Amino acid sequence: MIAMLVFSILQPLENAVAWLLDRFHYNVGLPWAWSIIATTIVVRIILVPLTVRQIHSMQSLQKHAPEMKEIQKKYKGDRQKLNEELMKFYKENHINPAASCLPLLAQLPVFFALYLTLRHFNKHAHSGSLSWLHIVPSITAKADSHWSGYLLLAIYAGSQVLSSYFMSTTMDKTQRYIMMVVPLIFITVVARFPTGLVLYWVTTNLWTVGQGVITRRLVPKTPLPTFGAKRTSRTPVKIEPEPVKLAATPKPSQARRVKRKKGGGRR
């Protein structure tokens, strides 16, 4: 029942993806595999506004990372209080931590729609070859059904690690390694998907890598907050000790010179 409801919700999106594939194939003249790549690029272009918000969110998180760590240390024994203080901190500094996940979440419906499109692909008559670069025999076949599928899975794994690396720049090393390793665990699941779906993920991962390289070069790094930066109600005020004034020591040239007379008197 739930599966039928999900499929009915995704039906309009499936029709839109199928229509876009048809336009690239029949009107532009691209093979089906390259139509999938072109469709992926169109989807990523549409998601550029969300990507910009994602970059700004990551920069804001990086800027306020020291302050958030102080809050985590202060309330590490009280999970509920910690969440409340972090939510207040996000609100005061206009931080949306969910913005970093928006592009990925927006791609999931497209992913399922493309999966359904490829699943129903063989039920309809389509002209043109289903192969890709004369290596992949069919975009509708499972990725583990041919040696070329394993090659594509290896490219997927490498691109997934690189894209995870660029997407987790604000995390500590342990979290970053987890983000890079976890997707590789699901490679056995990805191998059961149609080859065209793996091709979609490879394309979007490479787009993310290129986007990360461009962002690092064009967008200046956000400096860490200084003591003169804007403080919030939970930012501790640092009290600077007053400088101790030392008595000036007279220079040797300015010291009073005393001459003694012969016989012990002074002049």
C-alpha atoms as a PDB file:
ATOM      1  CA  MET A   1       0.000   0.000   0.000  1.00  0.00           C
ATOM      2  CA  ILE A   2       2.786   2.400   0.947  1.00  0.00           C
ATOM      3  CA  ALA A   3       4.785   1.438  -2.152  1.00  0.00           C
ATOM      4  CA  MET A   4       1.799   2.151  -4.398  1.00  0.00           C
ATOM      5  CA  LEU A   5       1.327   5.534  -2.718  1.00  0.00           C
ATOM      6  CA  VAL A   6       4.998   6.429  -3.233  1.00  0.00           C
ATOM      7  CA  PHE A   7       4.856   5.359  -6.886  1.00  0.00           C
ATOM      8  CA  SER A   8       1.712   7.435  -7.456  1.00  0.00           C
ATOM      9  CA  ILE A   9       3.410  10.492  -5.933  1.00  0.00           C
ATOM     10  CA  LEU A  10       6.510   9.981  -8.083  1.00  0.00           C
ATOM     11  CA  GLN A  11       4.510   9.336 -11.256  1.00  0.00           C
ATOM     12  CA  PRO A  12       4.482  13.009 -12.396  1.00  0.00           C
ATOM     13  CA  LEU A  13       8.221  13.276 -11.763  1.00  0.00           C
ATOM     14  CA  GLU A  14       8.820  10.013 -13.615  1.00  0.00           C
ATOM     15  CA  ASN A  15       6.895  11.399 -16.585  1.00  0.00           C
ATOM     16  CA  ALA A  16       8.976  14.595 -16.467  1.00  0.00           C
ATOM     17  CA  VAL A  17      12.260  12.640 -16.427  1.00  0.00           C
ATOM     18  CA  ALA A  18      11.082  10.402 -19.277  1.00  0.00           C
ATOM     19  CA  TRP A  19      10.016  13.471 -21.271  1.00  0.00           C
ATOM     20  CA  LEU A  20      13.420  15.123 -20.750  1.00  0.00           C
ATOM     21  CA  LEU A  21      15.238  11.948 -21.822  1.00  0.00           C
ATOM     22  CA  ASP A  22      13.080  11.798 -24.953  1.00  0.00           C
ATOM     23  CA  ARG A  23      13.886  15.417 -25.816  1.00  0.00           C
ATOM     24  CA  PHE A  24      17.631  14.839 -25.550  1.00  0.00           C
ATOM     25  CA  HIS A  25      17.401  11.613 -27.560  1.00  0.00           C
ATOM     26  CA  TYR A  26      14.862  12.399 -30.263  1.00  0.00           C
ATOM     27  CA  ASN A  27      15.235  16.178 -30.618  1.00  0.00           C
ATOM     28  CA  VAL A  28      18.920  16.709 -29.822  1.00  0.00           C
ATOM     29  CA  GLY A  29      20.054  13.336 -31.166  1.00  0.00           C
ATOM     30  CA  LEU A  30      21.984  12.092 -28.122  1.00  0.00           C
ATOM     31  CA  PRO A  31      22.210   8.360 -27.359  1.00  0.00           C
ATOM     32  CA  TRP A  32      20.215   7.216 -24.345  1.00  0.00           C
ATOM     33  CA  ALA A  33      23.242   7.001 -22.056  1.00  0.00           C
ATOM     34  CA  TRP A  34      24.354  10.524 -22.925  1.00  0.00           C
ATOM     35  CA  SER A  35      20.743  11.673 -22.490  1.00  0.00           C
ATOM     36  CA  ILE A  36      20.962  10.485 -18.881  1.00  0.00           C
ATOM     37  CA  ILE A  37      24.169  12.482 -18.424  1.00  0.00           C
ATOM     38  CA  ALA A  38      22.555  15.581 -19.984  1.00  0.00           C
ATOM     39  CA  THR A  39      19.488  15.160 -17.772  1.00  0.00           C
ATOM     40  CA  THR A  40      21.728  14.943 -14.704  1.00  0.00           C
ATOM     41  CA  ILE A  41      23.448  18.199 -15.683  1.00  0.00           C
ATOM     42  CA  VAL A  42      20.077  19.922 -16.132  1.00  0.00           C
ATOM     43  CA  VAL A  43      18.995  18.750 -12.677  1.00  0.00           C
ATOM     44  CA  ARG A  44      22.207  20.060 -11.094  1.00  0.00           C
ATOM     45  CA  ILE A  45      21.811  23.418 -12.856  1.00  0.00           C
ATOM     46  CA  ILE A  46      18.277  23.695 -11.460  1.00  0.00           C
ATOM     47  CA  LEU A  47      19.669  22.954  -7.989  1.00  0.00           C
ATOM     48  CA  VAL A  48      22.299  25.735  -8.169  1.00  0.00           C
ATOM     49  CA  PRO A  49      20.296  28.079  -5.834  1.00  0.00           C
ATOM     50  CA  LEU A  50      20.169  25.318  -3.216  1.00  0.00           C
ATOM     51  CA  THR A  51      23.870  24.727  -3.742  1.00  0.00           C
ATOM     52  CA  VAL A  52      24.614  28.399  -3.067  1.00  0.00           C
ATOM     53  CA  ARG A  53      22.636  28.187   0.169  1.00  0.00           C
ATOM     54  CA  GLN A  54      24.557  25.054   1.028  1.00  0.00           C
ATOM     55  CA  ILE A  55      27.907  26.824   0.545  1.00  0.00           C
ATOM     56  CA  HIS A  56      26.805  29.767   2.696  1.00  0.00           C
ATOM     57  CA  SER A  57      25.596  27.396   5.400  1.00  0.00           C
ATOM     58  CA  MET A  58      28.907  25.519   5.419  1.00  0.00           C
ATOM     59  CA  GLN A  59      30.829  28.798   5.657  1.00  0.00           C
ATOM     60  CA  SER A  60      28.650  29.964   8.535  1.00  0.00           C
ATOM     61  CA  LEU A  61      29.151  26.677  10.370  1.00  0.00           C
ATOM     62  CA  GLN A  62      32.888  26.937   9.859  1.00  0.00           C
ATOM     63  CA  LYS A  63      32.916  30.520  11.144  1.00  0.00           C
ATOM     64  CA  HIS A  64      31.044  29.689  14.351  1.00  0.00           C
ATOM     65  CA  ALA A  65      32.610  26.249  14.923  1.00  0.00           C
ATOM     66  CA  PRO A  66      34.709  27.335  17.985  1.00  0.00           C
ATOM     67  CA  GLU A  67      31.657  28.841  19.691  1.00  0.00           C
ATOM     68  CA  MET A  68      29.560  25.739  19.038  1.00  0.00           C
ATOM     69  CA  LYS A  69      32.312  23.533  20.461  1.00  0.00           C
ATOM     70  CA  GLU A  70      32.285  25.623  23.631  1.00  0.00           C
ATOM     71  CA  ILE A  71      28.520  25.108  23.941  1.00  0.00           C
ATOM     72  CA  GLN A  72      28.964  21.366  23.408  1.00  0.00           C
ATOM     73  CA  LYS A  73      31.612  21.199  26.123  1.00  0.00           C
ATOM     74  CA  LYS A  74      29.482  23.210  28.542  1.00  0.00           C
ATOM     75  CA  TYR A  75      26.348  21.075  28.150  1.00  0.00           C
ATOM     76  CA  LYS A  76      27.859  17.711  27.234  1.00  0.00           C
ATOM     77  CA  GLY A  77      26.144  16.078  30.210  1.00  0.00           C
ATOM     78  CA  ASP A  78      22.674  17.372  29.348  1.00  0.00           C
ATOM     79  CA  ARG A  79      21.558  16.352  25.854  1.00  0.00           C
ATOM     80  CA  GLN A  80      18.256  18.224  25.971  1.00  0.00           C
ATOM     81  CA  LYS A  81      19.836  21.456  27.201  1.00  0.00           C
ATOM     82  CA  LEU A  82      22.573  21.121  24.583  1.00  0.00           C
ATOM     83  CA  ASN A  83      20.024  20.878  21.774  1.00  0.00           C
ATOM     84  CA  GLU A  84      18.112  23.874  23.139  1.00  0.00           C
ATOM     85  CA  GLU A  85      21.239  26.023  23.370  1.00  0.00           C
ATOM     86  CA  LEU A  86      22.395  25.016  19.891  1.00  0.00           C
ATOM     87  CA  MET A  87      18.981  25.860  18.412  1.00  0.00           C
ATOM     88  CA  LYS A  88      19.107  29.267  20.100  1.00  0.00           C
ATOM     89  CA  PHE A  89      22.610  29.799  18.795  1.00  0.00           C
ATOM     90  CA  TYR A  90      21.516  28.875  15.244  1.00  0.00           C
ATOM     91  CA  LYS A  91      18.596  31.295  15.462  1.00  0.00           C
ATOM     92  CA  GLU A  92      20.687  34.188  16.792  1.00  0.00           C
ATOM     93  CA  ASN A  93      23.352  33.745  14.102  1.00  0.00           C
ATOM     94  CA  HIS A  94      20.894  32.945  11.255  1.00  0.00           C
ATOM     95  CA  ILE A  95      22.346  29.464  10.683  1.00  0.00           C
ATOM     96  CA  ASN A  96      20.346  26.742   8.950  1.00  0.00           C
ATOM     97  CA  PRO A  97      22.245  23.456   9.464  1.00  0.00           C
ATOM     98  CA  ALA A  98      19.761  21.617   7.233  1.00  0.00           C
ATOM     99  CA  ALA A  99      20.760  23.772   4.245  1.00  0.00           C
ATOM    100  CA  SER A 100      23.866  21.635   3.712  1.00  0.00           C
ATOM    101  CA  CYS A 101      21.636  18.618   2.954  1.00  0.00           C
ATOM    102  CA  LEU A 102      19.148  20.343   0.637  1.00  0.00           C
ATOM    103  CA  PRO A 103      20.825  19.478  -2.718  1.00  0.00           C
ATOM    104  CA  LEU A 104      21.106  15.808  -1.739  1.00  0.00           C
ATOM    105  CA  LEU A 105      17.515  15.614  -0.528  1.00  0.00           C
ATOM    106  CA  ALA A 106      16.286  17.349  -3.672  1.00  0.00           C
ATOM    107  CA  GLN A 107      18.042  14.751  -5.836  1.00  0.00           C
ATOM    108  CA  LEU A 108      16.432  11.741  -4.171  1.00  0.00           C
ATOM    109  CA  PRO A 109      13.055  12.117  -5.941  1.00  0.00           C
ATOM    110  CA  VAL A 110      14.887  12.458  -9.267  1.00  0.00           C
ATOM    111  CA  PHE A 111      16.895   9.341  -8.418  1.00  0.00           C
ATOM    112  CA  PHE A 112      13.748   7.279  -7.769  1.00  0.00           C
ATOM    113  CA  ALA A 113      12.022   8.742 -10.831  1.00  0.00           C
ATOM    114  CA  LEU A 114      14.964   7.758 -13.051  1.00  0.00           C
ATOM    115  CA  TYR A 115      14.962   4.303 -11.462  1.00  0.00           C
ATOM    116  CA  LEU A 116      11.294   3.840 -12.354  1.00  0.00           C
ATOM    117  CA  THR A 117      11.915   5.201 -15.851  1.00  0.00           C
ATOM    118  CA  LEU A 118      14.705   2.698 -16.504  1.00  0.00           C
ATOM    119  CA  ARG A 119      12.664  -0.066 -14.936  1.00  0.00           C
ATOM    120  CA  HIS A 120       9.833   0.539 -17.392  1.00  0.00           C
ATOM    121  CA  PHE A 121      12.186   1.317 -20.257  1.00  0.00           C
ATOM    122  CA  ASN A 122      12.068  -2.132 -21.850  1.00  0.00           C
ATOM    123  CA  LYS A 123       8.262  -2.204 -21.737  1.00  0.00           C
ATOM    124  CA  HIS A 124       8.101   0.555 -24.353  1.00  0.00           C
ATOM    125  CA  ALA A 125       9.587   0.564 -27.826  1.00  0.00           C
ATOM    126  CA  HIS A 126      12.607   2.897 -27.983  1.00  0.00           C
ATOM    127  CA  SER A 127      14.811   3.481 -30.980  1.00  0.00           C
ATOM    128  CA  GLY A 128      18.546   3.796 -30.662  1.00  0.00           C
ATOM    129  CA  SER A 129      21.282   1.916 -28.870  1.00  0.00           C
ATOM    130  CA  LEU A 130      21.208   1.431 -25.114  1.00  0.00           C
ATOM    131  CA  SER A 131      24.989   1.041 -24.843  1.00  0.00           C
ATOM    132  CA  TRP A 132      27.477   3.635 -23.634  1.00  0.00           C
ATOM    133  CA  LEU A 133      30.867   4.233 -25.285  1.00  0.00           C
ATOM    134  CA  HIS A 134      30.701   0.683 -26.661  1.00  0.00           C
ATOM    135  CA  ILE A 135      31.674  -0.455 -23.138  1.00  0.00           C
ATOM    136  CA  VAL A 136      28.421  -0.654 -21.225  1.00  0.00           C
ATOM    137  CA  PRO A 137      26.132  -2.995 -23.180  1.00  0.00           C
ATOM    138  CA  SER A 138      22.833  -1.646 -21.828  1.00  0.00           C
ATOM    139  CA  ILE A 139      21.834   1.129 -19.440  1.00  0.00           C
ATOM    140  CA  THR A 140      18.882  -0.983 -18.257  1.00  0.00           C
ATOM    141  CA  ALA A 141      20.996  -3.984 -17.238  1.00  0.00           C
ATOM    142  CA  LYS A 142      22.213  -4.357 -13.667  1.00  0.00           C
ATOM    143  CA  ALA A 143      25.657  -2.946 -13.009  1.00  0.00           C
ATOM    144  CA  ASP A 144      27.039  -6.301 -11.820  1.00  0.00           C
ATOM    145  CA  SER A 145      25.875  -8.160 -14.918  1.00  0.00           C
ATOM    146  CA  HIS A 146      28.918  -7.206 -17.034  1.00  0.00           C
ATOM    147  CA  TRP A 147      32.602  -6.437 -16.466  1.00  0.00           C
ATOM    148  CA  SER A 148      32.052  -2.865 -17.672  1.00  0.00           C
ATOM    149  CA  GLY A 149      29.546  -2.415 -14.865  1.00  0.00           C
ATOM    150  CA  TYR A 150      32.275  -3.161 -12.321  1.00  0.00           C
ATOM    151  CA  LEU A 151      34.471  -0.558 -14.019  1.00  0.00           C
ATOM    152  CA  LEU A 152      31.649   1.959 -13.700  1.00  0.00           C
ATOM    153  CA  LEU A 153      31.194   0.966 -10.042  1.00  0.00           C
ATOM    154  CA  ALA A 154      34.895   1.644  -9.416  1.00  0.00           C
ATOM    155  CA  ILE A 155      34.495   5.107 -10.978  1.00  0.00           C
ATOM    156  CA  TYR A 156      31.404   5.610  -8.834  1.00  0.00           C
ATOM    157  CA  ALA A 157      33.324   4.682  -5.668  1.00  0.00           C
ATOM    158  CA  GLY A 158      36.175   7.106  -6.457  1.00  0.00           C
ATOM    159  CA  SER A 159      33.822   9.954  -7.354  1.00  0.00           C
ATOM    160  CA  GLN A 160      31.729   9.289  -4.239  1.00  0.00           C
ATOM    161  CA  VAL A 161      34.783   9.537  -1.965  1.00  0.00           C
ATOM    162  CA  LEU A 162      35.884  12.792  -3.602  1.00  0.00           C
ATOM    163  CA  SER A 163      32.418  14.343  -3.475  1.00  0.00           C
ATOM    164  CA  SER A 164      32.055  13.355   0.196  1.00  0.00           C
ATOM    165  CA  TYR A 165      35.427  14.960   0.890  1.00  0.00           C
ATOM    166  CA  PHE A 166      34.334  18.287  -0.600  1.00  0.00           C
ATOM    167  CA  MET A 167      30.911  18.142   1.056  1.00  0.00           C
ATOM    168  CA  SER A 168      32.253  17.553   4.597  1.00  0.00           C
ATOM    169  CA  THR A 169      34.859  20.287   4.927  1.00  0.00           C
ATOM    170  CA  THR A 170      33.335  21.647   8.157  1.00  0.00           C
ATOM    171  CA  MET A 171      33.429  18.296   9.982  1.00  0.00           C
ATOM    172  CA  ASP A 172      36.237  16.938  12.100  1.00  0.00           C
ATOM    173  CA  LYS A 173      38.497  14.226  10.725  1.00  0.00           C
ATOM    174  CA  THR A 174      36.582  11.322  12.267  1.00  0.00           C
ATOM    175  CA  GLN A 175      33.224  12.457  10.895  1.00  0.00           C
ATOM    176  CA  ARG A 176      34.785  13.179   7.508  1.00  0.00           C
ATOM    177  CA  TYR A 177      36.250   9.681   7.278  1.00  0.00           C
ATOM    178  CA  ILE A 178      32.869   8.193   8.202  1.00  0.00           C
ATOM    179  CA  MET A 179      31.166  10.256   5.489  1.00  0.00           C
ATOM    180  CA  MET A 180      33.718   9.022   2.967  1.00  0.00           C
ATOM    181  CA  VAL A 181      33.588   5.350   3.955  1.00  0.00           C
ATOM    182  CA  VAL A 182      29.857   4.815   4.565  1.00  0.00           C
ATOM    183  CA  PRO A 183      28.826   5.293   0.884  1.00  0.00           C
ATOM    184  CA  LEU A 184      31.313   2.586  -0.116  1.00  0.00           C
ATOM    185  CA  ILE A 185      29.555   0.109   2.166  1.00  0.00           C
ATOM    186  CA  PHE A 186      26.425   0.415   0.028  1.00  0.00           C
ATOM    187  CA  ILE A 187      28.294  -0.348  -3.190  1.00  0.00           C
ATOM    188  CA  THR A 188      26.923  -3.898  -3.104  1.00  0.00           C
ATOM    189  CA  VAL A 189      23.423  -2.392  -3.135  1.00  0.00           C
ATOM    190  CA  VAL A 190      24.317   0.059  -5.900  1.00  0.00           C
ATOM    191  CA  ALA A 191      25.598  -2.866  -7.970  1.00  0.00           C
ATOM    192  CA  ARG A 192      22.033  -4.194  -8.187  1.00  0.00           C
ATOM    193  CA  PHE A 193      20.768  -0.942  -9.740  1.00  0.00           C
ATOM    194  CA  PRO A 194      20.504  -0.385 -13.508  1.00  0.00           C
ATOM    195  CA  THR A 195      23.724   0.804 -15.104  1.00  0.00           C
ATOM    196  CA  GLY A 196      22.047   4.022 -16.211  1.00  0.00           C
ATOM    197  CA  LEU A 197      21.300   4.851 -12.577  1.00  0.00           C
ATOM    198  CA  VAL A 198      24.961   4.336 -11.636  1.00  0.00           C
ATOM    199  CA  LEU A 199      25.869   6.578 -14.548  1.00  0.00           C
ATOM    200  CA  TYR A 200      23.563   9.230 -13.082  1.00  0.00           C
ATOM    201  CA  TRP A 201      25.336   9.102  -9.703  1.00  0.00           C
ATOM    202  CA  VAL A 202      28.797   9.172 -11.291  1.00  0.00           C
ATOM    203  CA  THR A 203      27.813  12.313 -13.221  1.00  0.00           C
ATOM    204  CA  THR A 204      26.361  14.087 -10.197  1.00  0.00           C
ATOM    205  CA  ASN A 205      29.406  13.131  -8.076  1.00  0.00           C
ATOM    206  CA  LEU A 206      31.794  14.535 -10.679  1.00  0.00           C
ATOM    207  CA  TRP A 207      29.675  17.704 -10.808  1.00  0.00           C
ATOM    208  CA  THR A 208      30.017  17.988  -7.015  1.00  0.00           C
ATOM    209  CA  VAL A 209      33.797  17.541  -7.232  1.00  0.00           C
ATOM    210  CA  GLY A 210      34.115  20.249  -9.891  1.00  0.00           C
ATOM    211  CA  GLN A 211      31.813  22.501  -7.893  1.00  0.00           C
ATOM    212  CA  GLY A 212      33.974  21.977  -4.801  1.00  0.00           C
ATOM    213  CA  VAL A 213      37.189  22.816  -6.663  1.00  0.00           C
ATOM    214  CA  ILE A 214      35.680  26.013  -8.104  1.00  0.00           C
ATOM    215  CA  THR A 215      34.235  27.005  -4.722  1.00  0.00           C
ATOM    216  CA  ARG A 216      37.571  26.611  -2.959  1.00  0.00           C
ATOM    217  CA  ARG A 217      39.289  28.790  -5.538  1.00  0.00           C
ATOM    218  CA  LEU A 218      36.690  31.541  -5.938  1.00  0.00           C
ATOM    219  CA  VAL A 219      35.070  31.782  -2.515  1.00  0.00           C
ATOM    220  CA  PRO A 220      37.409  33.186   0.159  1.00  0.00           C
ATOM    221  CA  LYS A 221      37.806  31.141   3.298  1.00  0.00           C
ATOM    222  CA  THR A 222      35.825  32.411   6.231  1.00  0.00           C
ATOM    223  CA  PRO A 223      38.213  33.588   8.990  1.00  0.00           C
ATOM    224  CA  LEU A 224      37.772  32.297  12.493  1.00  0.00           C
ATOM    225  CA  PRO A 225      36.019  34.698  14.882  1.00  0.00           C
ATOM    226  CA  THR A 226      38.218  37.057  16.883  1.00  0.00           C
ATOM    227  CA  PHE A 227      37.583  38.655  20.257  1.00  0.00           C
ATOM    228  CA  GLY A 228      36.422  41.816  18.499  1.00  0.00           C
ATOM    229  CA  ALA A 229      33.740  39.906  16.608  1.00  0.00           C
ATOM    230  CA  LYS A 230      30.044  40.055  17.367  1.00  0.00           C
ATOM    231  CA  ARG A 231      29.137  38.186  20.561  1.00  0.00           C
ATOM    232  CA  THR A 232      25.934  36.417  21.460  1.00  0.00           C
ATOM    233  CA  SER A 233      24.270  36.004  24.832  1.00  0.00           C
ATOM    234  CA  ARG A 234      26.160  32.738  25.357  1.00  0.00           C
ATOM    235  CA  THR A 235      29.567  33.957  24.270  1.00  0.00           C
ATOM    236  CA  PRO A 236      31.766  34.295  27.381  1.00  0.00           C
ATOM    237  CA  VAL A 237      33.268  37.735  27.885  1.00  0.00           C
ATOM    238  CA  LYS A 238      37.010  37.654  28.217  1.00  0.00           C
ATOM    239  CA  ILE A 239      38.343  39.976  30.896  1.00  0.00           C
ATOM    240  CA  GLU A 240      41.737  41.318  30.041  1.00  0.00           C
ATOM    241  CA  PRO A 241      44.045  41.958  33.044  1.00  0.00           C
ATOM    242  CA  GLU A 242      45.137  45.553  33.507  1.00  0.00           C
ATOM    243  CA  PRO A 243      48.729  46.130  32.480  1.00  0.00           C
ATOM    244  CA  VAL A 244      51.166  46.670  35.323  1.00  0.00           C
ATOM    245  CA  LYS A 245      53.001  49.966  35.037  1.00  0.00           C
ATOM    246  CA  LEU A 246      56.660  49.740  35.835  1.00  0.00           C
ATOM    247  CA  ALA A 247      58.751  52.683  37.036  1.00  0.00           C
ATOM    248  CA  ALA A 248      60.898  54.136  34.326  1.00  0.00           C
ATOM    249  CA  THR A 249      64.552  53.327  34.706  1.00  0.00           C
ATOM    250  CA  PRO A 250      66.763  56.312  33.949  1.00  0.00           C
ATOM    251  CA  LYS A 251      69.111  55.902  31.092  1.00  0.00           C
ATOM    252  CA  PRO A 252      72.802  55.872  31.881  1.00  0.00           C
ATOM    253  CA  SER A 253      73.254  59.089  29.909  1.00  0.00           C
ATOM    254  CA  GLN A 254      70.606  60.837  32.031  1.00  0.00           C
ATOM    255  CA  ALA A 255      71.862  59.707  35.444  1.00  0.00           C
ATOM    256  CA  ARG A 256      73.239  62.418  37.703  1.00  0.00           C
ATOM    257  CA  ARG A 257      76.912  62.520  37.628  1.00  0.00           C
ATOM    258  CA  VAL A 258      78.591  63.233  40.961  1.00  0.00           C
ATOM    259  CA  LYS A 259      82.129  64.469  41.114  1.00  0.00           C
ATOM    260  CA  ARG A 260      84.148  64.200  44.250  1.00  0.00           C
ATOM    261  CA  LYS A 261      86.674  66.784  45.287  1.00  0.00           C
ATOM    262  CA  LYS A 262      90.000  65.814  46.305  1.00  0.00           C
ATOM    263  CA  GLY A 263      89.856  65.127  49.997  1.00  0.00           C
ATOM    264  CA  GLY A 264      86.355  63.563  49.983  1.00  0.00           C
ATOM    265  CA  GLY A 265      84.186  66.767  49.556  1.00  0.00           C
ATOM    266  CA  ARG A 266      81.532  67.318  46.906  1.00  0.00           C
ATOM    267  CA  ARG A 267      81.334  70.079  44.327  1.00  0.00           C
END
